[in-house]
């Protein structure tokens, strides 16, 4: 269904999803095989478990950008980052950590936003969890999905960063 939902042509997408739901078992098996063959044709990507998906070194800073896809019509609170990896990165003098949010609605990509980890709305609503991390760690951060949606729907997004709040946030993470 997920692969079928990404078909651009609305008519074809609708008919394919309808067929997956209503077809007899033999036809459904054939459709699922065809769809899985499409997935197998995609390249395999090596994913490191680092902090950012995209790292770029500049003369004055090293930037780490994590790409987060947000399906706007789903009520979800996506994982943000591993707190220990985040603190290690922030301990580097030249590091800058950002999120590139990609908002997807039922018609495709709706908007993209480059957002600082210290953006006031994002930082104030970040949830800290332990259940995704191993023992002896500071846990992981999780975003409030409604806040990400709000950021993606802003017409003229600007990062609002309060240095004192950001410093306090880091200090609280170190105490965990």
N, C-alpha and C. Protein backbone atom coordinates (compact mmCIF):
# COMPACT_ATOMS: atom_id res chain seq x y z
N UNK A 1 0.83 -1.20 0.00
CA UNK A 1 0.00 0.00 0.00
C UNK A 1 0.87 1.26 0.00
N UNK A 2 1.97 1.23 0.77
CA UNK A 2 2.82 2.40 0.84
C UNK A 2 3.41 2.73 -0.52
N UNK A 3 3.91 1.74 -1.22
CA UNK A 3 4.45 1.97 -2.57
C UNK A 3 3.34 2.46 -3.49
N UNK A 4 2.20 1.85 -3.42
CA UNK A 4 1.07 2.25 -4.27
C UNK A 4 0.64 3.68 -3.97
N UNK A 5 0.72 4.10 -2.73
CA UNK A 5 0.28 5.45 -2.36
C UNK A 5 1.17 6.54 -2.94
N UNK A 6 2.35 6.19 -3.41
CA UNK A 6 3.27 7.17 -3.96
C UNK A 6 3.17 7.30 -5.48
N UNK A 7 2.27 6.57 -6.10
CA UNK A 7 2.07 6.70 -7.55
C UNK A 7 1.51 8.08 -7.82
N UNK A 8 2.16 8.83 -8.73
CA UNK A 8 1.77 10.23 -8.99
C UNK A 8 0.39 10.37 -9.61
N UNK A 9 0.07 9.53 -10.55
CA UNK A 9 -1.21 9.64 -11.26
C UNK A 9 -2.34 9.23 -10.31
N UNK A 10 -3.19 10.19 -9.98
CA UNK A 10 -4.27 9.97 -9.01
C UNK A 10 -5.17 8.82 -9.44
N UNK A 11 -5.50 8.75 -10.71
CA UNK A 11 -6.39 7.71 -11.21
C UNK A 11 -5.74 6.33 -11.05
N UNK A 12 -4.49 6.21 -11.48
CA UNK A 12 -3.78 4.92 -11.37
C UNK A 12 -3.60 4.54 -9.91
N UNK A 13 -3.21 5.51 -9.08
CA UNK A 13 -3.02 5.25 -7.65
C UNK A 13 -4.30 4.73 -7.02
N UNK A 14 -5.41 5.39 -7.29
CA UNK A 14 -6.69 4.97 -6.72
C UNK A 14 -7.09 3.58 -7.16
N UNK A 15 -6.93 3.31 -8.44
CA UNK A 15 -7.30 1.98 -8.97
C UNK A 15 -6.40 0.89 -8.39
N UNK A 16 -5.11 1.19 -8.25
CA UNK A 16 -4.19 0.20 -7.70
C UNK A 16 -4.52 -0.12 -6.25
N UNK A 17 -4.77 0.89 -5.46
CA UNK A 17 -5.13 0.67 -4.05
C UNK A 17 -6.46 -0.08 -3.97
N UNK A 18 -7.42 0.31 -4.78
CA UNK A 18 -8.70 -0.41 -4.80
C UNK A 18 -8.48 -1.87 -5.15
N UNK A 19 -7.64 -2.14 -6.13
CA UNK A 19 -7.37 -3.52 -6.55
C UNK A 19 -6.69 -4.30 -5.44
N UNK A 20 -5.78 -3.67 -4.70
CA UNK A 20 -5.12 -4.37 -3.59
C UNK A 20 -6.12 -4.77 -2.51
N UNK A 21 -7.14 -3.96 -2.35
CA UNK A 21 -8.14 -4.23 -1.31
C UNK A 21 -9.20 -5.22 -1.79
N UNK A 22 -9.63 -5.09 -3.03
CA UNK A 22 -10.81 -5.84 -3.47
C UNK A 22 -10.53 -7.05 -4.35
N UNK A 23 -9.30 -7.19 -4.84
CA UNK A 23 -9.02 -8.28 -5.79
C UNK A 23 -9.02 -9.65 -5.10
N UNK A 24 -9.17 -10.69 -5.93
CA UNK A 24 -9.09 -12.04 -5.39
C UNK A 24 -7.64 -12.32 -5.00
N UNK A 25 -7.42 -13.34 -4.16
CA UNK A 25 -6.07 -13.61 -3.64
C UNK A 25 -5.00 -13.80 -4.72
N UNK A 26 -5.34 -14.44 -5.83
CA UNK A 26 -4.35 -14.68 -6.88
C UNK A 26 -3.90 -13.36 -7.52
N UNK A 27 -4.87 -12.51 -7.85
CA UNK A 27 -4.54 -11.21 -8.45
C UNK A 27 -3.76 -10.34 -7.46
N UNK A 28 -4.19 -10.34 -6.19
CA UNK A 28 -3.52 -9.55 -5.16
C UNK A 28 -2.07 -10.00 -5.02
N UNK A 29 -1.81 -11.31 -5.04
CA UNK A 29 -0.45 -11.82 -4.95
C UNK A 29 0.40 -11.31 -6.10
N UNK A 30 -0.16 -11.30 -7.30
CA UNK A 30 0.56 -10.78 -8.47
C UNK A 30 0.88 -9.30 -8.34
N UNK A 31 -0.10 -8.52 -7.88
CA UNK A 31 0.12 -7.09 -7.70
C UNK A 31 1.21 -6.83 -6.65
N UNK A 32 1.14 -7.56 -5.54
CA UNK A 32 2.13 -7.38 -4.48
C UNK A 32 3.53 -7.75 -4.96
N UNK A 33 3.63 -8.80 -5.79
CA UNK A 33 4.92 -9.19 -6.35
C UNK A 33 5.46 -8.08 -7.24
N UNK A 34 4.59 -7.53 -8.10
CA UNK A 34 5.01 -6.45 -8.98
C UNK A 34 5.49 -5.24 -8.17
N UNK A 35 4.76 -4.91 -7.12
CA UNK A 35 5.15 -3.77 -6.29
C UNK A 35 6.47 -4.04 -5.56
N UNK A 36 6.68 -5.27 -5.09
CA UNK A 36 7.94 -5.57 -4.40
C UNK A 36 9.10 -5.56 -5.38
N UNK A 37 8.85 -5.94 -6.64
CA UNK A 37 9.90 -5.86 -7.66
C UNK A 37 10.31 -4.41 -7.88
N UNK A 38 9.36 -3.49 -7.82
CA UNK A 38 9.67 -2.07 -7.96
C UNK A 38 10.60 -1.64 -6.82
N UNK A 39 10.30 -2.07 -5.59
CA UNK A 39 11.15 -1.72 -4.46
C UNK A 39 12.55 -2.28 -4.61
N UNK A 40 12.67 -3.50 -5.15
CA UNK A 40 13.99 -4.12 -5.32
C UNK A 40 14.83 -3.40 -6.37
N UNK A 41 14.19 -2.68 -7.28
CA UNK A 41 14.94 -1.95 -8.31
C UNK A 41 15.58 -0.68 -7.76
N UNK A 42 15.13 -0.25 -6.58
CA UNK A 42 15.72 0.95 -5.99
C UNK A 42 17.12 0.65 -5.47
N UNK A 43 18.01 1.62 -5.48
CA UNK A 43 19.36 1.38 -4.98
C UNK A 43 19.36 1.14 -3.48
N UNK A 44 20.37 0.44 -3.00
CA UNK A 44 20.54 0.20 -1.57
C UNK A 44 21.40 1.32 -1.01
N UNK A 45 20.94 1.91 0.05
CA UNK A 45 21.67 3.02 0.65
C UNK A 45 22.29 2.56 1.95
N UNK A 46 23.57 2.89 2.12
CA UNK A 46 24.27 2.58 3.35
C UNK A 46 23.97 3.71 4.33
N UNK A 47 23.33 3.38 5.43
CA UNK A 47 22.99 4.41 6.40
C UNK A 47 23.85 4.24 7.64
N UNK A 48 24.58 5.29 7.96
CA UNK A 48 25.35 5.29 9.19
C UNK A 48 24.41 5.75 10.30
N UNK A 49 24.73 5.36 11.50
CA UNK A 49 23.91 5.79 12.62
C UNK A 49 24.54 7.00 13.30
N UNK A 50 25.00 7.94 12.49
CA UNK A 50 25.56 9.18 13.02
C UNK A 50 24.45 10.15 13.36
N UNK A 51 24.86 11.34 13.74
CA UNK A 51 23.87 12.33 14.14
C UNK A 51 23.15 12.93 12.93
N UNK A 52 23.88 13.25 11.89
CA UNK A 52 23.26 13.89 10.74
C UNK A 52 23.32 13.03 9.50
N UNK A 53 22.32 13.20 8.65
CA UNK A 53 22.30 12.51 7.37
C UNK A 53 23.22 13.20 6.36
N UNK A 54 23.44 14.49 6.56
CA UNK A 54 24.25 15.28 5.64
C UNK A 54 25.21 16.10 6.48
N UNK A 55 26.51 15.86 6.29
CA UNK A 55 27.54 16.58 7.03
C UNK A 55 28.33 17.41 6.02
N UNK A 56 28.50 18.68 6.34
CA UNK A 56 29.25 19.56 5.45
C UNK A 56 30.16 20.44 6.29
N UNK A 57 31.41 20.49 5.87
CA UNK A 57 32.41 21.28 6.59
C UNK A 57 32.64 22.60 5.83
N UNK A 58 32.51 23.68 6.56
CA UNK A 58 32.77 25.01 6.02
C UNK A 58 33.98 25.60 6.73
N UNK A 59 34.42 26.74 6.27
CA UNK A 59 35.58 27.38 6.88
C UNK A 59 35.35 27.71 8.35
N UNK A 60 34.13 28.14 8.67
CA UNK A 60 33.86 28.58 10.04
C UNK A 60 33.01 27.62 10.86
N UNK A 61 32.47 26.57 10.25
CA UNK A 61 31.59 25.66 11.00
C UNK A 61 31.49 24.30 10.32
N UNK A 62 31.18 23.31 11.12
CA UNK A 62 30.86 21.98 10.61
C UNK A 62 29.37 21.79 10.83
N UNK A 63 28.63 21.56 9.75
CA UNK A 63 27.18 21.43 9.88
C UNK A 63 26.75 19.98 9.78
N UNK A 64 25.81 19.63 10.63
CA UNK A 64 25.20 18.30 10.65
C UNK A 64 23.71 18.53 10.43
N UNK A 65 23.18 17.93 9.38
CA UNK A 65 21.76 18.11 9.08
C UNK A 65 21.09 16.76 9.02
N UNK A 66 20.06 16.59 9.83
CA UNK A 66 19.28 15.36 9.84
C UNK A 66 18.01 15.61 9.04
N UNK A 67 17.74 14.76 8.07
CA UNK A 67 16.57 14.92 7.22
C UNK A 67 15.41 14.14 7.83
N UNK A 68 14.32 14.82 8.09
CA UNK A 68 13.14 14.21 8.70
C UNK A 68 11.94 14.41 7.79
N UNK A 69 11.33 13.31 7.40
CA UNK A 69 10.12 13.38 6.60
C UNK A 69 8.92 13.34 7.53
N UNK A 70 8.00 14.26 7.36
CA UNK A 70 6.81 14.32 8.20
C UNK A 70 5.59 14.19 7.30
N UNK A 71 4.84 13.10 7.48
CA UNK A 71 3.58 12.91 6.77
C UNK A 71 2.55 13.75 7.52
N UNK A 72 2.10 14.81 6.89
CA UNK A 72 1.31 15.82 7.58
C UNK A 72 -0.06 15.35 8.04
N UNK A 73 -0.62 14.37 7.37
CA UNK A 73 -1.95 13.92 7.76
C UNK A 73 -1.90 12.80 8.79
N UNK A 74 -0.69 12.40 9.22
CA UNK A 74 -0.56 11.39 10.28
C UNK A 74 -0.19 12.07 11.58
N UNK A 75 -0.78 11.63 12.65
CA UNK A 75 -0.49 12.17 13.97
C UNK A 75 0.67 11.36 14.55
N UNK A 76 1.89 11.87 14.37
CA UNK A 76 3.06 11.12 14.83
C UNK A 76 4.04 12.05 15.52
N UNK A 77 4.83 11.48 16.42
CA UNK A 77 5.88 12.19 17.12
C UNK A 77 7.20 11.50 16.81
N UNK A 78 7.89 11.92 15.75
CA UNK A 78 9.08 11.19 15.30
C UNK A 78 10.27 11.33 16.24
N UNK A 79 11.12 10.30 16.20
CA UNK A 79 12.37 10.34 16.96
C UNK A 79 13.22 11.47 16.41
N UNK A 80 13.87 12.21 17.30
CA UNK A 80 14.68 13.35 16.89
C UNK A 80 16.16 12.97 16.81
N UNK A 81 16.75 12.56 17.94
CA UNK A 81 18.17 12.25 17.98
C UNK A 81 18.51 11.51 19.27
N UNK A 82 19.65 10.82 19.23
CA UNK A 82 20.22 10.18 20.42
C UNK A 82 20.90 11.30 21.22
N UNK A 83 20.54 11.42 22.49
CA UNK A 83 21.03 12.53 23.31
C UNK A 83 22.55 12.49 23.44
N UNK A 84 23.14 11.32 23.65
CA UNK A 84 24.59 11.24 23.80
C UNK A 84 25.31 11.66 22.52
N UNK A 85 24.83 11.23 21.36
CA UNK A 85 25.43 11.63 20.09
C UNK A 85 25.28 13.14 19.88
N UNK A 86 24.13 13.66 20.26
CA UNK A 86 23.88 15.09 20.13
C UNK A 86 24.85 15.89 21.00
N UNK A 87 25.01 15.46 22.26
CA UNK A 87 25.91 16.19 23.17
C UNK A 87 27.36 16.11 22.71
N UNK A 88 27.75 14.95 22.19
CA UNK A 88 29.11 14.82 21.67
C UNK A 88 29.33 15.81 20.52
N UNK A 89 28.36 15.89 19.63
CA UNK A 89 28.45 16.80 18.50
C UNK A 89 28.48 18.26 18.98
N UNK A 90 27.62 18.60 19.92
CA UNK A 90 27.56 19.97 20.41
C UNK A 90 28.82 20.34 21.21
N UNK A 91 29.55 19.33 21.67
CA UNK A 91 30.81 19.58 22.38
C UNK A 91 31.93 20.00 21.45
N UNK A 92 31.74 19.80 20.17
CA UNK A 92 32.72 20.25 19.19
C UNK A 92 32.52 21.74 18.97
N UNK A 93 33.58 22.47 19.00
CA UNK A 93 33.53 23.93 18.97
C UNK A 93 32.82 24.50 17.74
N UNK A 94 32.96 23.88 16.61
CA UNK A 94 32.47 24.45 15.35
C UNK A 94 31.17 23.82 14.87
N UNK A 95 30.53 23.01 15.68
CA UNK A 95 29.38 22.25 15.18
C UNK A 95 28.08 23.04 15.20
N UNK A 96 27.29 22.78 14.17
CA UNK A 96 25.95 23.34 14.02
C UNK A 96 25.05 22.17 13.65
N UNK A 97 23.94 22.00 14.36
CA UNK A 97 23.04 20.88 14.11
C UNK A 97 21.68 21.41 13.70
N UNK A 98 21.18 20.89 12.57
CA UNK A 98 19.91 21.35 12.03
C UNK A 98 19.06 20.16 11.58
N UNK A 99 17.81 20.46 11.34
CA UNK A 99 16.89 19.48 10.76
C UNK A 99 16.34 20.05 9.46
N UNK A 100 16.30 19.20 8.46
CA UNK A 100 15.66 19.56 7.20
C UNK A 100 14.35 18.78 7.17
N UNK A 101 13.26 19.48 7.48
CA UNK A 101 11.95 18.86 7.52
C UNK A 101 11.34 18.86 6.12
N UNK A 102 10.86 17.70 5.71
CA UNK A 102 10.17 17.55 4.43
C UNK A 102 8.73 17.19 4.75
N UNK A 103 7.82 18.11 4.48
CA UNK A 103 6.41 17.89 4.76
C UNK A 103 5.71 17.28 3.56
N UNK A 104 5.08 16.15 3.78
CA UNK A 104 4.38 15.45 2.70
C UNK A 104 2.90 15.37 3.04
N UNK A 105 2.09 15.82 2.09
CA UNK A 105 0.65 15.65 2.25
C UNK A 105 0.16 14.65 1.22
N UNK A 106 -1.13 14.52 1.06
CA UNK A 106 -1.66 13.49 0.16
C UNK A 106 -1.34 13.74 -1.31
N UNK A 107 -0.85 14.92 -1.65
CA UNK A 107 -0.50 15.18 -3.05
C UNK A 107 1.02 15.18 -3.29
N UNK A 108 1.81 14.95 -2.27
CA UNK A 108 3.26 14.91 -2.43
C UNK A 108 3.94 15.87 -1.47
N UNK A 109 5.13 16.37 -1.86
CA UNK A 109 5.87 17.28 -0.99
C UNK A 109 5.15 18.62 -0.93
N UNK A 110 4.81 19.02 0.29
CA UNK A 110 4.07 20.25 0.50
C UNK A 110 5.02 21.40 0.79
N UNK A 111 6.07 21.15 1.58
CA UNK A 111 7.00 22.21 1.96
C UNK A 111 8.25 21.58 2.56
N UNK A 112 9.34 22.36 2.56
CA UNK A 112 10.57 21.97 3.25
C UNK A 112 11.03 23.14 4.08
N UNK A 113 11.67 22.83 5.22
CA UNK A 113 12.16 23.86 6.12
C UNK A 113 13.48 23.39 6.72
N UNK A 114 14.47 24.29 6.75
CA UNK A 114 15.72 24.03 7.45
C UNK A 114 15.60 24.68 8.82
N UNK A 115 15.63 23.87 9.87
CA UNK A 115 15.30 24.32 11.21
C UNK A 115 16.43 23.98 12.19
N UNK A 116 16.83 24.94 12.98
CA UNK A 116 17.86 24.71 14.01
C UNK A 116 17.30 23.81 15.10
N UNK A 117 18.17 22.98 15.66
CA UNK A 117 17.77 22.16 16.80
C UNK A 117 17.38 23.04 17.98
N UNK A 118 17.87 24.29 17.99
CA UNK A 118 17.58 25.22 19.08
C UNK A 118 16.43 26.17 18.77
N UNK A 119 15.70 25.93 17.69
CA UNK A 119 14.51 26.75 17.39
C UNK A 119 13.58 26.68 18.59
N UNK A 120 13.10 27.81 19.08
CA UNK A 120 12.38 27.84 20.35
C UNK A 120 11.19 26.88 20.42
N UNK A 121 10.34 26.84 19.38
CA UNK A 121 9.17 25.95 19.42
C UNK A 121 9.59 24.48 19.47
N UNK A 122 10.61 24.15 18.68
CA UNK A 122 11.07 22.77 18.60
C UNK A 122 11.70 22.35 19.92
N UNK A 123 12.57 23.17 20.46
CA UNK A 123 13.30 22.83 21.69
C UNK A 123 12.35 22.73 22.90
N UNK A 124 11.42 23.65 23.00
CA UNK A 124 10.51 23.68 24.16
C UNK A 124 9.59 22.46 24.21
N UNK A 125 9.32 21.86 23.07
CA UNK A 125 8.36 20.75 23.03
C UNK A 125 9.01 19.38 22.80
N UNK A 126 10.35 19.35 22.76
CA UNK A 126 11.05 18.08 22.57
C UNK A 126 10.83 17.21 23.80
N UNK A 127 10.49 15.96 23.56
CA UNK A 127 10.21 14.98 24.62
C UNK A 127 11.45 14.10 24.78
N UNK A 128 11.88 13.88 25.99
CA UNK A 128 13.03 13.02 26.24
C UNK A 128 12.55 11.65 26.71
N UNK A 129 13.07 10.62 26.07
CA UNK A 129 12.63 9.24 26.32
C UNK A 129 13.84 8.36 26.63
N UNK A 130 13.60 7.28 27.36
CA UNK A 130 14.65 6.29 27.58
C UNK A 130 14.37 4.98 26.86
N UNK A 131 13.13 4.70 26.50
CA UNK A 131 12.78 3.37 26.00
C UNK A 131 13.37 3.04 24.64
N UNK A 132 13.87 4.01 23.88
CA UNK A 132 14.48 3.72 22.58
C UNK A 132 15.99 3.56 22.68
N UNK A 133 16.54 3.91 23.83
CA UNK A 133 18.00 3.91 23.97
C UNK A 133 18.42 2.77 24.90
N UNK A 134 19.68 2.42 24.83
CA UNK A 134 20.21 1.35 25.67
C UNK A 134 20.47 1.84 27.08
N UNK A 135 20.80 0.89 27.93
CA UNK A 135 21.13 1.23 29.33
C UNK A 135 22.40 2.07 29.36
N UNK A 136 22.48 2.90 30.37
CA UNK A 136 23.67 3.72 30.54
C UNK A 136 23.76 4.87 29.56
N UNK A 137 22.65 5.21 28.92
CA UNK A 137 22.65 6.36 28.01
C UNK A 137 21.72 7.43 28.57
N UNK A 138 21.78 8.57 27.98
CA UNK A 138 20.90 9.67 28.38
C UNK A 138 19.56 9.61 27.66
N UNK A 139 19.39 8.63 26.79
CA UNK A 139 18.11 8.46 26.10
C UNK A 139 18.09 9.09 24.74
N UNK A 140 16.89 9.31 24.26
CA UNK A 140 16.68 9.92 22.95
C UNK A 140 15.68 11.06 23.07
N UNK A 141 15.74 11.95 22.10
CA UNK A 141 14.78 13.04 22.03
C UNK A 141 13.75 12.69 20.97
N UNK A 142 12.53 13.12 21.22
CA UNK A 142 11.41 12.86 20.32
C UNK A 142 10.70 14.19 20.09
N UNK A 143 10.31 14.42 18.84
CA UNK A 143 9.62 15.66 18.51
C UNK A 143 8.12 15.54 18.71
N UNK A 144 7.50 16.68 18.94
CA UNK A 144 6.05 16.79 18.93
C UNK A 144 5.65 17.04 17.48
N UNK A 145 4.95 16.08 16.89
CA UNK A 145 4.59 16.15 15.48
C UNK A 145 3.76 17.36 15.12
N UNK A 146 2.89 17.80 16.03
CA UNK A 146 2.05 18.97 15.74
C UNK A 146 2.92 20.23 15.59
N UNK A 147 4.01 20.30 16.36
CA UNK A 147 4.91 21.44 16.25
C UNK A 147 5.62 21.43 14.90
N UNK A 148 6.07 20.24 14.47
CA UNK A 148 6.71 20.13 13.15
C UNK A 148 5.72 20.54 12.06
N UNK A 149 4.50 20.07 12.16
CA UNK A 149 3.48 20.48 11.19
C UNK A 149 3.34 22.00 11.16
N UNK A 150 3.28 22.61 12.35
CA UNK A 150 3.15 24.07 12.42
C UNK A 150 4.32 24.78 11.77
N UNK A 151 5.53 24.27 12.00
CA UNK A 151 6.72 24.86 11.38
C UNK A 151 6.62 24.74 9.86
N UNK A 152 6.20 23.58 9.38
CA UNK A 152 6.09 23.36 7.94
C UNK A 152 5.00 24.21 7.29
N UNK A 153 3.97 24.59 8.06
CA UNK A 153 2.89 25.40 7.51
C UNK A 153 3.15 26.91 7.62
N UNK A 154 4.24 27.31 8.31
CA UNK A 154 4.56 28.73 8.41
C UNK A 154 4.92 29.26 7.03
N UNK A 155 4.36 30.40 6.68
CA UNK A 155 4.60 30.97 5.35
C UNK A 155 6.01 31.55 5.23
N UNK A 156 6.48 32.20 6.25
CA UNK A 156 7.80 32.83 6.22
C UNK A 156 8.59 32.36 7.42
N UNK A 157 8.98 31.08 7.40
CA UNK A 157 9.66 30.48 8.56
C UNK A 157 10.99 31.17 8.83
N UNK A 158 11.22 31.45 10.10
CA UNK A 158 12.51 31.95 10.58
C UNK A 158 12.84 31.23 11.87
N UNK A 159 14.10 30.86 12.01
CA UNK A 159 14.54 30.22 13.25
C UNK A 159 14.54 31.26 14.38
N UNK A 160 13.84 30.95 15.45
CA UNK A 160 13.84 31.79 16.65
C UNK A 160 14.66 31.07 17.70
N UNK A 161 15.83 31.62 18.02
CA UNK A 161 16.75 30.95 18.93
C UNK A 161 17.08 31.89 20.08
N UNK A 162 16.84 31.42 21.29
CA UNK A 162 17.19 32.15 22.50
C UNK A 162 18.43 31.49 23.09
N UNK A 163 19.54 32.23 23.14
CA UNK A 163 20.81 31.64 23.59
C UNK A 163 20.75 31.11 25.02
N UNK A 164 20.12 31.86 25.93
CA UNK A 164 20.05 31.41 27.32
C UNK A 164 19.23 30.12 27.45
N UNK A 165 18.11 30.05 26.75
CA UNK A 165 17.29 28.83 26.77
C UNK A 165 18.05 27.66 26.16
N UNK A 166 18.79 27.91 25.10
CA UNK A 166 19.55 26.85 24.44
C UNK A 166 20.65 26.32 25.37
N UNK A 167 21.34 27.22 26.03
CA UNK A 167 22.38 26.82 26.98
C UNK A 167 21.77 26.01 28.12
N UNK A 168 20.66 26.45 28.64
CA UNK A 168 19.97 25.75 29.73
C UNK A 168 19.52 24.36 29.27
N UNK A 169 19.04 24.27 28.05
CA UNK A 169 18.62 22.99 27.48
C UNK A 169 19.79 22.01 27.45
N UNK A 170 20.93 22.49 26.97
CA UNK A 170 22.13 21.64 26.93
C UNK A 170 22.57 21.20 28.33
N UNK A 171 22.53 22.13 29.26
CA UNK A 171 22.93 21.82 30.64
C UNK A 171 22.01 20.75 31.24
N UNK A 172 20.71 20.84 30.98
CA UNK A 172 19.77 19.84 31.48
C UNK A 172 20.01 18.48 30.86
N UNK A 173 20.37 18.45 29.59
CA UNK A 173 20.68 17.17 28.94
C UNK A 173 21.93 16.55 29.56
N UNK A 174 22.91 17.37 29.87
CA UNK A 174 24.15 16.85 30.48
C UNK A 174 23.90 16.24 31.87
N UNK A 175 22.90 16.74 32.57
CA UNK A 175 22.58 16.24 33.92
C UNK A 175 21.85 14.91 33.93
N UNK A 176 21.32 14.49 32.78
CA UNK A 176 20.52 13.25 32.70
C UNK A 176 21.36 12.05 33.03
